[in-house]
Every structure is written in structure tokens, then in C-alpha cells.
Amino acid sequence: MSIAELLECPIDFEGQRLADSITHAALIVSAVLALIAGYSLQSLQLSICIFLIGLGTTLIASIEK
């Protein structure tokens, strides 16, 4: 076996496309929720915290082991 064969990893294009779509949707939803909550309560800190919680949740859910 050559080194190239050992390092070759199969790519699941459909799975990657699905993961990308879910990641984009989750980030957009968390940004909209952060904007609405921050604007309604006039709190930039709350808006940033909500978005960072959504970002962290999205990262944990989408990064593979």
C-alpha cells in the first residue's frame, strides 16, 4: 500500500451538503433570535451572549469526533 492510499479519505458529498445547510440555518436562527432579544431589551451584551450560545451549540453539533 502506498502512502497516498493510506491517506485517502472518502468524501460524502450529500452528508457535507446536509451538514452545511443545517449549520447555516442554525447560525441564521441564532442571529435572528439574538437580534430580536437584544433590540427588544436594548442590550448589546444580551444579543452577543445569545449569539455566542447559538454559535457554540452549532459548533458542538456540527464538528465530528
Foldseek 3Di string as FASTA:
>chain_A
DDPCVVPDDDDDVVVVVVLVVVLVVLLVVQLVVLVVVCVVVVHPVSSVVSNVVSVVVSCVVRDDD
